[in-house]
Amino acid sequence: MYALKDFGSFHVGGRIVTVSGQEKRTVAFTPSLVLEYDPNGEFLVEQVYVQYFIPAERKFPHPLVLLHGGGLTGACWETTPDGRPGWLHDFLRQGFAVYVIDNVERGRSGFCALEGVWDGEPVMRTAAEAWDLFRFGRPGDFAAGKPFEGQRFPLDAMESFQRQFVPRWTSTSEAQIRGVGAALRRIGPSVLICHSQGGYLGSHAAIENPDCIRGVVCCEGSTLPADEQVTPAAVAGGPWLLLLGDFIDFSPRWTATREATTAFGDRVNAVGGRAELVELPDAGFPGATHMFMMDEHSAQISEWLGAWIRKNC
């Protein structure tokens, strides 16, 4: 158990989009409330929602900032699909202040419904795609429900997990990086924990805002900054921990990601930063899937991770 000293939320970032020349129209807000609606004016879009939790007994000076991956929201850190406390609660029990982001166009940040502001259409993720992408089992074994031997994701709660999936756009990365950067500047010096697509977005925001960074934990980042972006000044804020799970050798997509992650870590070290690559099976956590904050040993992983942060950040 833990007690909170404070909790709350804020929105940050975004930009104004001006709409003009559109005709007014009648809108039924409810069956009995029909009003004239003017679609013209100035609209603020691309804001980020941040919820924060400050423990009463704080044991580390810098807060942790949790950034979700693609097609998910900050809810992924709260409670695991099978009902166990998520990393949010694990880290609060360890005495960390925790800030949880809903990035641009996700969750309580909301999405932009104005035509022409974002390119493309939103996309959704199926359970079959998640099975493959998140390394629960081989793609051909989804229908039979046959997972990798020893994998630790709670597959009995797969439908509960799927309820967390939300639409995502594929054209909003620049806005999302700006949003994470705005959140980091508002929060101040912190340790950023980012996952999957959030690893791509968070790592770029981190190197653009090194004064706000006391450490970065990149959990299987989908893409990492290019060599020319990794300068001594960009990685001077704190150490980088690059985490990978299990079963990577079964997926060409993830073996390529491991190679790119290794190269990124080498680049950080080459310019005078500090990067450490850890594959979770080597740290004592075999069976870790891409969703290791939800795996059955997620609490043990977060305990190990908290110790690493206290020692290195």
C-alpha atoms as a PDB file:
ATOM      1  CA  MET A   1       0.000   0.000   0.000  1.00  0.00           C
ATOM      2  CA  TYR A   2       1.010   3.611  -0.378  1.00  0.00           C
ATOM      3  CA  ALA A   3      -0.416   7.030   0.467  1.00  0.00           C
ATOM      4  CA  LEU A   4      -0.546   9.993  -1.900  1.00  0.00           C
ATOM      5  CA  LYS A   5       0.460  13.520  -1.028  1.00  0.00           C
ATOM      6  CA  ASP A   6      -1.108  14.886  -4.196  1.00  0.00           C
ATOM      7  CA  PHE A   7      -2.555  13.877  -7.532  1.00  0.00           C
ATOM      8  CA  GLY A   8      -4.034  15.783 -10.420  1.00  0.00           C
ATOM      9  CA  SER A   9      -3.757  16.434 -14.118  1.00  0.00           C
ATOM     10  CA  PHE A  10      -3.129  19.057 -16.742  1.00  0.00           C
ATOM     11  CA  HIS A  11      -3.173  19.563 -20.491  1.00  0.00           C
ATOM     12  CA  VAL A  12      -0.159  21.080 -22.209  1.00  0.00           C
ATOM     13  CA  GLY A  13       1.007  21.982 -25.701  1.00  0.00           C
ATOM     14  CA  GLY A  14      -1.013  22.137 -28.874  1.00  0.00           C
ATOM     15  CA  ARG A  15      -1.544  24.740 -31.555  1.00  0.00           C
ATOM     16  CA  ILE A  16      -4.329  26.907 -32.915  1.00  0.00           C
ATOM     17  CA  VAL A  17      -5.987  25.985 -36.203  1.00  0.00           C
ATOM     18  CA  THR A  18      -8.245  28.570 -37.835  1.00  0.00           C
ATOM     19  CA  VAL A  19     -11.271  27.466 -39.860  1.00  0.00           C
ATOM     20  CA  SER A  20     -13.145  29.927 -42.061  1.00  0.00           C
ATOM     21  CA  GLY A  21     -15.572  29.958 -44.933  1.00  0.00           C
ATOM     22  CA  GLN A  22     -17.674  27.043 -43.687  1.00  0.00           C
ATOM     23  CA  GLU A  23     -21.452  27.231 -43.639  1.00  0.00           C
ATOM     24  CA  LYS A  24     -23.315  27.144 -40.374  1.00  0.00           C
ATOM     25  CA  ARG A  25     -25.455  24.074 -39.859  1.00  0.00           C
ATOM     26  CA  THR A  26     -28.064  22.689 -37.508  1.00  0.00           C
ATOM     27  CA  VAL A  27     -26.834  20.066 -35.075  1.00  0.00           C
ATOM     28  CA  ALA A  28     -28.923  17.846 -32.771  1.00  0.00           C
ATOM     29  CA  PHE A  29     -26.761  17.675 -29.628  1.00  0.00           C
ATOM     30  CA  THR A  30     -29.478  15.512 -28.065  1.00  0.00           C
ATOM     31  CA  PRO A  31     -32.830  14.425 -29.529  1.00  0.00           C
ATOM     32  CA  SER A  32     -34.469  17.435 -27.869  1.00  0.00           C
ATOM     33  CA  LEU A  33     -31.631  19.983 -28.160  1.00  0.00           C
ATOM     34  CA  VAL A  34     -31.199  21.179 -31.729  1.00  0.00           C
ATOM     35  CA  LEU A  35     -28.977  24.234 -32.195  1.00  0.00           C
ATOM     36  CA  GLU A  36     -27.222  26.147 -34.918  1.00  0.00           C
ATOM     37  CA  TYR A  37     -23.518  25.232 -35.028  1.00  0.00           C
ATOM     38  CA  ASP A  38     -20.821  27.485 -36.459  1.00  0.00           C
ATOM     39  CA  PRO A  39     -17.806  25.387 -37.589  1.00  0.00           C
ATOM     40  CA  ASN A  40     -15.653  28.493 -38.082  1.00  0.00           C
ATOM     41  CA  GLY A  41     -13.229  29.930 -35.578  1.00  0.00           C
ATOM     42  CA  GLU A  42      -9.999  29.151 -33.782  1.00  0.00           C
ATOM     43  CA  PHE A  43      -9.575  25.619 -32.465  1.00  0.00           C
ATOM     44  CA  LEU A  44      -6.773  24.322 -30.239  1.00  0.00           C
ATOM     45  CA  VAL A  45      -5.561  20.887 -31.334  1.00  0.00           C
ATOM     46  CA  GLU A  46      -2.681  18.488 -30.602  1.00  0.00           C
ATOM     47  CA  GLN A  47      -2.665  19.005 -26.839  1.00  0.00           C
ATOM     48  CA  VAL A  48      -1.321  16.357 -24.439  1.00  0.00           C
ATOM     49  CA  TYR A  49      -3.013  15.110 -21.266  1.00  0.00           C
ATOM     50  CA  VAL A  50      -0.832  14.363 -18.236  1.00  0.00           C
ATOM     51  CA  GLN A  51      -1.967  12.838 -14.942  1.00  0.00           C
ATOM     52  CA  TYR A  52       0.386  12.963 -11.965  1.00  0.00           C
ATOM     53  CA  PHE A  53       0.660  11.113  -8.651  1.00  0.00           C
ATOM     54  CA  ILE A  54       2.937  12.255  -5.829  1.00  0.00           C
ATOM     55  CA  PRO A  55       3.501   9.734  -3.005  1.00  0.00           C
ATOM     56  CA  ALA A  56       3.431  10.920   0.589  1.00  0.00           C
ATOM     57  CA  GLU A  57       6.758   9.189   1.204  1.00  0.00           C
ATOM     58  CA  ARG A  58       8.874  10.157  -1.757  1.00  0.00           C
ATOM     59  CA  LYS A  59      12.178   8.297  -2.026  1.00  0.00           C
ATOM     60  CA  PHE A  60      13.647   9.631  -5.285  1.00  0.00           C
ATOM     61  CA  PRO A  61      14.114  13.276  -6.291  1.00  0.00           C
ATOM     62  CA  HIS A  62      13.091  13.032  -9.954  1.00  0.00           C
ATOM     63  CA  PRO A  63       9.638  11.943 -11.159  1.00  0.00           C
ATOM     64  CA  LEU A  64       9.084   9.145 -13.631  1.00  0.00           C
ATOM     65  CA  VAL A  65       7.218   9.989 -16.852  1.00  0.00           C
ATOM     66  CA  LEU A  66       5.394   7.042 -18.444  1.00  0.00           C
ATOM     67  CA  LEU A  67       4.754   7.218 -22.202  1.00  0.00           C
ATOM     68  CA  HIS A  68       2.574   4.556 -23.872  1.00  0.00           C
ATOM     69  CA  GLY A  69       2.995   2.917 -27.252  1.00  0.00           C
ATOM     70  CA  GLY A  70       1.024   2.897 -30.489  1.00  0.00           C
ATOM     71  CA  GLY A  71      -2.715   2.293 -30.408  1.00  0.00           C
ATOM     72  CA  LEU A  72      -2.713   2.517 -26.596  1.00  0.00           C
ATOM     73  CA  THR A  73      -3.129   5.216 -23.951  1.00  0.00           C
ATOM     74  CA  GLY A  74      -1.741   5.884 -20.495  1.00  0.00           C
ATOM     75  CA  ALA A  75      -4.225   3.307 -19.187  1.00  0.00           C
ATOM     76  CA  CYS A  76      -1.707   0.605 -20.140  1.00  0.00           C
ATOM     77  CA  TRP A  77       0.354   1.504 -17.055  1.00  0.00           C
ATOM     78  CA  GLU A  78      -2.521   1.472 -14.566  1.00  0.00           C
ATOM     79  CA  THR A  79      -3.832  -2.083 -14.260  1.00  0.00           C
ATOM     80  CA  THR A  80      -2.820  -5.197 -16.177  1.00  0.00           C
ATOM     81  CA  PRO A  81      -5.462  -6.878 -18.361  1.00  0.00           C
ATOM     82  CA  ASP A  82      -5.842  -9.655 -15.786  1.00  0.00           C
ATOM     83  CA  GLY A  83      -6.414  -7.176 -12.950  1.00  0.00           C
ATOM     84  CA  ARG A  84      -3.014  -6.856 -11.240  1.00  0.00           C
ATOM     85  CA  PRO A  85      -1.546  -3.461 -10.292  1.00  0.00           C
ATOM     86  CA  GLY A  86       0.360  -1.948 -13.188  1.00  0.00           C
ATOM     87  CA  TRP A  87       3.684  -0.148 -13.233  1.00  0.00           C
ATOM     88  CA  LEU A  88       2.038   3.097 -12.107  1.00  0.00           C
ATOM     89  CA  HIS A  89       1.211   1.504  -8.758  1.00  0.00           C
ATOM     90  CA  ASP A  90       4.461  -0.448  -8.586  1.00  0.00           C
ATOM     91  CA  PHE A  91       6.531   2.719  -8.912  1.00  0.00           C
ATOM     92  CA  LEU A  92       4.374   4.658  -6.459  1.00  0.00           C
ATOM     93  CA  ARG A  93       4.915   1.895  -3.897  1.00  0.00           C
ATOM     94  CA  GLN A  94       8.652   2.260  -4.513  1.00  0.00           C
ATOM     95  CA  GLY A  95       8.445   5.955  -3.636  1.00  0.00           C
ATOM     96  CA  PHE A  96       8.606   7.504  -7.109  1.00  0.00           C
ATOM     97  CA  ALA A  97       6.419  10.407  -8.202  1.00  0.00           C
ATOM     98  CA  VAL A  98       4.790   9.332 -11.473  1.00  0.00           C
ATOM     99  CA  TYR A  99       3.425  11.302 -14.418  1.00  0.00           C
ATOM    100  CA  VAL A 100       1.372   9.401 -17.022  1.00  0.00           C
ATOM    101  CA  ILE A 101       0.939  10.814 -20.533  1.00  0.00           C
ATOM    102  CA  ASP A 102      -1.917  10.387 -22.988  1.00  0.00           C
ATOM    103  CA  ASN A 103      -0.169  11.525 -26.148  1.00  0.00           C
ATOM    104  CA  VAL A 104      -1.616  13.609 -28.963  1.00  0.00           C
ATOM    105  CA  GLU A 105      -4.781  11.981 -30.441  1.00  0.00           C
ATOM    106  CA  ARG A 106      -5.021   9.360 -27.684  1.00  0.00           C
ATOM    107  CA  GLY A 107      -7.263   8.974 -24.655  1.00  0.00           C
ATOM    108  CA  ARG A 108      -8.026  12.140 -22.757  1.00  0.00           C
ATOM    109  CA  SER A 109      -5.880  14.258 -25.031  1.00  0.00           C
ATOM    110  CA  GLY A 110      -8.634  13.860 -27.609  1.00  0.00           C
ATOM    111  CA  PHE A 111      -8.259  13.823 -31.374  1.00  0.00           C
ATOM    112  CA  CYS A 112      -8.659  16.468 -34.049  1.00  0.00           C
ATOM    113  CA  ALA A 113     -11.947  16.169 -35.954  1.00  0.00           C
ATOM    114  CA  LEU A 114     -11.200  19.075 -38.292  1.00  0.00           C
ATOM    115  CA  GLU A 115     -10.815  18.021 -41.916  1.00  0.00           C
ATOM    116  CA  GLY A 116      -7.438  18.499 -43.540  1.00  0.00           C
ATOM    117  CA  VAL A 117      -5.384  19.003 -40.369  1.00  0.00           C
ATOM    118  CA  TRP A 118      -4.003  15.443 -40.228  1.00  0.00           C
ATOM    119  CA  ASP A 119      -3.260  13.375 -43.307  1.00  0.00           C
ATOM    120  CA  GLY A 120      -4.768   9.941 -43.710  1.00  0.00           C
ATOM    121  CA  GLU A 121      -7.362   7.996 -41.799  1.00  0.00           C
ATOM    122  CA  PRO A 122      -7.117   6.500 -38.301  1.00  0.00           C
ATOM    123  CA  VAL A 123      -6.191   2.830 -38.083  1.00  0.00           C
ATOM    124  CA  MET A 124      -7.103   0.179 -35.532  1.00  0.00           C
ATOM    125  CA  ARG A 125      -5.305  -2.940 -34.298  1.00  0.00           C
ATOM    126  CA  THR A 126      -6.798  -6.442 -34.295  1.00  0.00           C
ATOM    127  CA  ALA A 127      -6.045  -9.121 -31.728  1.00  0.00           C
ATOM    128  CA  ALA A 128      -4.306 -11.142 -34.470  1.00  0.00           C
ATOM    129  CA  GLU A 129      -1.958  -8.238 -35.235  1.00  0.00           C
ATOM    130  CA  ALA A 130      -1.208  -7.809 -31.541  1.00  0.00           C
ATOM    131  CA  TRP A 131      -0.466 -11.546 -31.227  1.00  0.00           C
ATOM    132  CA  ASP A 132       2.216 -11.269 -33.885  1.00  0.00           C
ATOM    133  CA  LEU A 133       3.589  -7.789 -33.187  1.00  0.00           C
ATOM    134  CA  PHE A 134       3.729  -8.257 -29.415  1.00  0.00           C
ATOM    135  CA  ARG A 135       5.307 -11.732 -29.693  1.00  0.00           C
ATOM    136  CA  PHE A 136       2.689 -13.755 -27.882  1.00  0.00           C
ATOM    137  CA  GLY A 137       3.158 -16.565 -30.399  1.00  0.00           C
ATOM    138  CA  ARG A 138       3.799 -17.327 -34.047  1.00  0.00           C
ATOM    139  CA  PRO A 139       1.373 -15.619 -36.474  1.00  0.00           C
ATOM    140  CA  GLY A 140       0.104 -18.964 -37.761  1.00  0.00           C
ATOM    141  CA  ASP A 141      -0.749 -20.093 -34.233  1.00  0.00           C
ATOM    142  CA  PHE A 142      -3.143 -17.256 -33.377  1.00  0.00           C
ATOM    143  CA  ALA A 143      -6.329 -19.064 -34.393  1.00  0.00           C
ATOM    144  CA  ALA A 144      -5.346 -22.107 -32.332  1.00  0.00           C
ATOM    145  CA  GLY A 145      -4.324 -19.920 -29.392  1.00  0.00           C
ATOM    146  CA  LYS A 146      -0.930 -21.631 -29.182  1.00  0.00           C
ATOM    147  CA  PRO A 147       1.592 -19.214 -27.614  1.00  0.00           C
ATOM    148  CA  PHE A 148       5.358 -19.363 -27.457  1.00  0.00           C
ATOM    149  CA  GLU A 149       6.392 -21.870 -24.830  1.00  0.00           C
ATOM    150  CA  GLY A 150       7.186 -20.012 -21.625  1.00  0.00           C
ATOM    151  CA  GLN A 151       5.764 -16.654 -22.668  1.00  0.00           C
ATOM    152  CA  ARG A 152       4.345 -14.688 -19.719  1.00  0.00           C
ATOM    153  CA  PHE A 153       1.573 -12.482 -21.130  1.00  0.00           C
ATOM    154  CA  PRO A 154      -1.801 -13.304 -19.473  1.00  0.00           C
ATOM    155  CA  LEU A 155      -3.519 -14.589 -22.599  1.00  0.00           C
ATOM    156  CA  ASP A 156      -6.701 -15.495 -20.714  1.00  0.00           C
ATOM    157  CA  ALA A 157      -7.237 -11.720 -20.504  1.00  0.00           C
ATOM    158  CA  MET A 158      -6.650 -11.076 -24.222  1.00  0.00           C
ATOM    159  CA  GLU A 159     -10.123  -9.632 -24.768  1.00  0.00           C
ATOM    160  CA  SER A 160      -9.673  -7.320 -21.797  1.00  0.00           C
ATOM    161  CA  PHE A 161      -6.390  -6.177 -23.329  1.00  0.00           C
ATOM    162  CA  GLN A 162      -8.049  -5.593 -26.686  1.00  0.00           C
ATOM    163  CA  ARG A 163     -10.530  -3.223 -25.030  1.00  0.00           C
ATOM    164  CA  GLN A 164      -7.581  -0.874 -24.450  1.00  0.00           C
ATOM    165  CA  PHE A 165      -6.904  -0.517 -28.176  1.00  0.00           C
ATOM    166  CA  VAL A 166      -7.792   2.910 -29.551  1.00  0.00           C
ATOM    167  CA  PRO A 167      -7.605   4.433 -33.047  1.00  0.00           C
ATOM    168  CA  ARG A 168      -4.300   5.986 -34.051  1.00  0.00           C
ATOM    169  CA  TRP A 169      -3.142   8.176 -36.906  1.00  0.00           C
ATOM    170  CA  THR A 170       0.076   7.492 -38.805  1.00  0.00           C
ATOM    171  CA  SER A 171       0.758  11.128 -39.692  1.00  0.00           C
ATOM    172  CA  THR A 172       0.978  12.756 -36.262  1.00  0.00           C
ATOM    173  CA  SER A 173       4.513  11.845 -35.138  1.00  0.00           C
ATOM    174  CA  GLU A 174       5.869  15.393 -35.293  1.00  0.00           C
ATOM    175  CA  ALA A 175       2.925  16.684 -33.269  1.00  0.00           C
ATOM    176  CA  GLN A 176       3.365  13.867 -30.748  1.00  0.00           C
ATOM    177  CA  ILE A 177       7.079  14.591 -30.306  1.00  0.00           C
ATOM    178  CA  ARG A 178       6.237  18.260 -29.752  1.00  0.00           C
ATOM    179  CA  GLY A 179       3.593  17.230 -27.233  1.00  0.00           C
ATOM    180  CA  VAL A 180       5.929  15.004 -25.240  1.00  0.00           C
ATOM    181  CA  GLY A 181       8.524  17.773 -25.270  1.00  0.00           C
ATOM    182  CA  ALA A 182       5.979  20.252 -23.928  1.00  0.00           C
ATOM    183  CA  ALA A 183       5.077  17.803 -21.151  1.00  0.00           C
ATOM    184  CA  LEU A 184       8.739  17.269 -20.217  1.00  0.00           C
ATOM    185  CA  ARG A 185       9.347  21.020 -20.021  1.00  0.00           C
ATOM    186  CA  ARG A 186       6.279  21.446 -17.818  1.00  0.00           C
ATOM    187  CA  ILE A 187       7.280  18.563 -15.521  1.00  0.00           C
ATOM    188  CA  GLY A 188      10.985  19.411 -15.318  1.00  0.00           C
ATOM    189  CA  PRO A 189      13.986  17.102 -14.814  1.00  0.00           C
ATOM    190  CA  SER A 190      12.654  13.544 -14.861  1.00  0.00           C
ATOM    191  CA  VAL A 191      13.254   9.960 -15.924  1.00  0.00           C
ATOM    192  CA  LEU A 192      11.327   9.090 -19.081  1.00  0.00           C
ATOM    193  CA  ILE A 193      10.038   5.520 -19.461  1.00  0.00           C
ATOM    194  CA  CYS A 194       8.740   5.016 -22.988  1.00  0.00           C
ATOM    195  CA  HIS A 195       7.392   1.950 -24.780  1.00  0.00           C
ATOM    196  CA  SER A 196       7.232   0.846 -28.439  1.00  0.00           C
ATOM    197  CA  GLN A 197       6.017   3.762 -30.592  1.00  0.00           C
ATOM    198  CA  GLY A 198       6.450   5.832 -27.461  1.00  0.00           C
ATOM    199  CA  GLY A 199      10.112   4.796 -27.563  1.00  0.00           C
ATOM    200  CA  TYR A 200      10.408   6.453 -30.956  1.00  0.00           C
ATOM    201  CA  LEU A 201       8.516   9.571 -29.891  1.00  0.00           C
ATOM    202  CA  GLY A 202      10.035   9.764 -26.411  1.00  0.00           C
ATOM    203  CA  SER A 203      13.629   9.278 -27.535  1.00  0.00           C
ATOM    204  CA  HIS A 204      13.294  12.111 -30.041  1.00  0.00           C
ATOM    205  CA  ALA A 205      11.675  14.361 -27.427  1.00  0.00           C
ATOM    206  CA  ALA A 206      14.451  13.455 -24.974  1.00  0.00           C
ATOM    207  CA  ILE A 207      17.315  14.420 -27.285  1.00  0.00           C
ATOM    208  CA  GLU A 208      15.506  17.647 -28.132  1.00  0.00           C
ATOM    209  CA  ASN A 209      15.063  18.488 -24.429  1.00  0.00           C
ATOM    210  CA  PRO A 210      18.180  17.162 -22.662  1.00  0.00           C
ATOM    211  CA  ASP A 211      17.854  19.670 -19.815  1.00  0.00           C
ATOM    212  CA  CYS A 212      14.637  17.891 -18.801  1.00  0.00           C
ATOM    213  CA  ILE A 213      16.171  14.407 -18.817  1.00  0.00           C
ATOM    214  CA  ARG A 214      17.800  12.594 -15.910  1.00  0.00           C
ATOM    215  CA  GLY A 215      17.474   9.211 -17.586  1.00  0.00           C
ATOM    216  CA  VAL A 216      15.626   7.409 -20.369  1.00  0.00           C
ATOM    217  CA  VAL A 217      14.293   3.862 -20.189  1.00  0.00           C
ATOM    218  CA  CYS A 218      13.360   2.817 -23.716  1.00  0.00           C
ATOM    219  CA  CYS A 219      11.240  -0.334 -23.676  1.00  0.00           C
ATOM    220  CA  GLU A 220      11.549  -1.881 -27.142  1.00  0.00           C
ATOM    221  CA  GLY A 221      11.426   1.422 -28.994  1.00  0.00           C
ATOM    222  CA  SER A 222      10.060   0.913 -32.498  1.00  0.00           C
ATOM    223  CA  THR A 223      12.541   3.376 -34.010  1.00  0.00           C
ATOM    224  CA  LEU A 224      15.324   5.415 -32.436  1.00  0.00           C
ATOM    225  CA  PRO A 225      17.016   8.673 -33.462  1.00  0.00           C
ATOM    226  CA  ALA A 226      19.424   8.644 -36.384  1.00  0.00           C
ATOM    227  CA  ASP A 227      23.173   8.949 -35.840  1.00  0.00           C
ATOM    228  CA  GLU A 228      23.297  12.611 -36.817  1.00  0.00           C
ATOM    229  CA  GLN A 229      20.747  13.436 -34.126  1.00  0.00           C
ATOM    230  CA  VAL A 230      22.775  11.740 -31.379  1.00  0.00           C
ATOM    231  CA  THR A 231      25.241  14.440 -30.348  1.00  0.00           C
ATOM    232  CA  PRO A 232      27.113  14.906 -27.050  1.00  0.00           C
ATOM    233  CA  ALA A 233      24.726  17.680 -26.046  1.00  0.00           C
ATOM    234  CA  ALA A 234      21.622  15.661 -26.986  1.00  0.00           C
ATOM    235  CA  VAL A 235      22.473  12.741 -24.678  1.00  0.00           C
ATOM    236  CA  ALA A 236      24.061  14.696 -21.839  1.00  0.00           C
ATOM    237  CA  GLY A 237      20.933  14.656 -19.672  1.00  0.00           C
ATOM    238  CA  GLY A 238      21.300  11.178 -18.206  1.00  0.00           C
ATOM    239  CA  PRO A 239      21.844   7.482 -18.886  1.00  0.00           C
ATOM    240  CA  TRP A 240      19.854   5.440 -21.378  1.00  0.00           C
ATOM    241  CA  LEU A 241      18.594   1.947 -20.576  1.00  0.00           C
ATOM    242  CA  LEU A 242      17.509   0.063 -23.691  1.00  0.00           C
ATOM    243  CA  LEU A 243      15.281  -2.890 -22.789  1.00  0.00           C
ATOM    244  CA  LEU A 244      14.353  -5.850 -24.989  1.00  0.00           C
ATOM    245  CA  GLY A 245      12.134  -8.829 -24.198  1.00  0.00           C
ATOM    246  CA  ASP A 246      12.172 -12.493 -25.177  1.00  0.00           C
ATOM    247  CA  PHE A 247      11.396 -14.404 -28.405  1.00  0.00           C
ATOM    248  CA  ILE A 248      13.039 -11.768 -30.596  1.00  0.00           C
ATOM    249  CA  ASP A 249      14.797 -14.382 -32.735  1.00  0.00           C
ATOM    250  CA  PHE A 250      11.388 -15.622 -33.943  1.00  0.00           C
ATOM    251  CA  SER A 251      10.577 -12.287 -35.622  1.00  0.00           C
ATOM    252  CA  PRO A 252      12.537 -10.655 -38.460  1.00  0.00           C
ATOM    253  CA  ARG A 253      10.875  -7.367 -37.502  1.00  0.00           C
ATOM    254  CA  TRP A 254      12.229  -7.568 -33.962  1.00  0.00           C
ATOM    255  CA  THR A 255      15.660  -8.905 -34.864  1.00  0.00           C
ATOM    256  CA  ALA A 256      16.050  -5.815 -37.053  1.00  0.00           C
ATOM    257  CA  THR A 257      14.873  -3.680 -34.138  1.00  0.00           C
ATOM    258  CA  ARG A 258      17.439  -5.316 -31.857  1.00  0.00           C
ATOM    259  CA  GLU A 259      20.186  -4.504 -34.351  1.00  0.00           C
ATOM    260  CA  ALA A 260      19.029  -0.894 -34.615  1.00  0.00           C
ATOM    261  CA  THR A 261      18.750  -0.595 -30.830  1.00  0.00           C
ATOM    262  CA  THR A 262      22.260  -1.962 -30.395  1.00  0.00           C
ATOM    263  CA  ALA A 263      23.587   0.509 -32.978  1.00  0.00           C
ATOM    264  CA  PHE A 264      21.818   3.391 -31.228  1.00  0.00           C
ATOM    265  CA  GLY A 265      23.329   2.434 -27.874  1.00  0.00           C
ATOM    266  CA  ASP A 266      26.761   2.234 -29.464  1.00  0.00           C
ATOM    267  CA  ARG A 267      26.270   5.697 -30.950  1.00  0.00           C
ATOM    268  CA  VAL A 268      25.244   7.168 -27.562  1.00  0.00           C
ATOM    269  CA  ASN A 269      28.363   5.720 -25.947  1.00  0.00           C
ATOM    270  CA  ALA A 270      30.574   6.846 -28.829  1.00  0.00           C
ATOM    271  CA  VAL A 271      29.629  10.508 -28.310  1.00  0.00           C
ATOM    272  CA  GLY A 272      30.216  10.384 -24.565  1.00  0.00           C
ATOM    273  CA  GLY A 273      26.774   9.426 -23.309  1.00  0.00           C
ATOM    274  CA  ARG A 274      25.874   6.369 -21.259  1.00  0.00           C
ATOM    275  CA  ALA A 275      23.737   3.635 -22.785  1.00  0.00           C
ATOM    276  CA  GLU A 276      23.145   0.101 -21.542  1.00  0.00           C
ATOM    277  CA  LEU A 277      21.341  -2.586 -23.536  1.00  0.00           C
ATOM    278  CA  VAL A 278      19.618  -5.270 -21.465  1.00  0.00           C
ATOM    279  CA  GLU A 279      17.667  -8.227 -22.790  1.00  0.00           C
ATOM    280  CA  LEU A 280      15.241  -9.170 -20.036  1.00  0.00           C
ATOM    281  CA  PRO A 281      15.881 -12.937 -20.201  1.00  0.00           C
ATOM    282  CA  ASP A 282      19.516 -12.144 -19.352  1.00  0.00           C
ATOM    283  CA  ALA A 283      18.334 -10.127 -16.349  1.00  0.00           C
ATOM    284  CA  GLY A 284      16.318 -13.057 -15.004  1.00  0.00           C
ATOM    285  CA  PHE A 285      12.992 -12.440 -16.751  1.00  0.00           C
ATOM    286  CA  PRO A 286      12.507 -15.097 -19.445  1.00  0.00           C
ATOM    287  CA  GLY A 287       9.208 -15.127 -21.293  1.00  0.00           C
ATOM    288  CA  ALA A 288       8.938 -11.329 -21.473  1.00  0.00           C
ATOM    289  CA  THR A 289       6.795 -10.275 -24.439  1.00  0.00           C
ATOM    290  CA  HIS A 290       6.678  -6.861 -26.046  1.00  0.00           C
ATOM    291  CA  MET A 291       4.141  -5.930 -23.369  1.00  0.00           C
ATOM    292  CA  PHE A 292       6.382  -6.676 -20.411  1.00  0.00           C
ATOM    293  CA  MET A 293       4.657  -4.045 -18.248  1.00  0.00           C
ATOM    294  CA  MET A 294       1.652  -6.395 -18.406  1.00  0.00           C
ATOM    295  CA  ASP A 295       3.387  -9.777 -18.277  1.00  0.00           C
ATOM    296  CA  GLU A 296       2.857 -12.051 -15.300  1.00  0.00           C
ATOM    297  CA  HIS A 297       6.226 -11.043 -13.833  1.00  0.00           C
ATOM    298  CA  SER A 298       5.661  -7.319 -14.481  1.00  0.00           C
ATOM    299  CA  ALA A 299       5.969  -6.453 -10.773  1.00  0.00           C
ATOM    300  CA  GLN A 300       9.349  -8.165 -10.554  1.00  0.00           C
ATOM    301  CA  ILE A 301      10.524  -6.333 -13.684  1.00  0.00           C
ATOM    302  CA  SER A 302       9.415  -2.960 -12.291  1.00  0.00           C
ATOM    303  CA  GLU A 303      11.201  -3.722  -9.002  1.00  0.00           C
ATOM    304  CA  TRP A 304      14.399  -4.455 -10.924  1.00  0.00           C
ATOM    305  CA  LEU A 305      13.885  -1.347 -13.044  1.00  0.00           C
ATOM    306  CA  GLY A 306      13.297   0.863 -10.018  1.00  0.00           C
ATOM    307  CA  ALA A 307      16.582  -0.329  -8.517  1.00  0.00           C
ATOM    308  CA  TRP A 308      18.379   0.454 -11.790  1.00  0.00           C
ATOM    309  CA  ILE A 309      16.930   3.983 -11.830  1.00  0.00           C
ATOM    310  CA  ARG A 310      17.865   4.678  -8.213  1.00  0.00           C
ATOM    311  CA  LYS A 311      21.422   3.498  -8.877  1.00  0.00           C
ATOM    312  CA  ASN A 312      22.025   5.153 -12.239  1.00  0.00           C
ATOM    313  CA  CYS A 313      19.844   8.235 -12.475  1.00  0.00           C
END
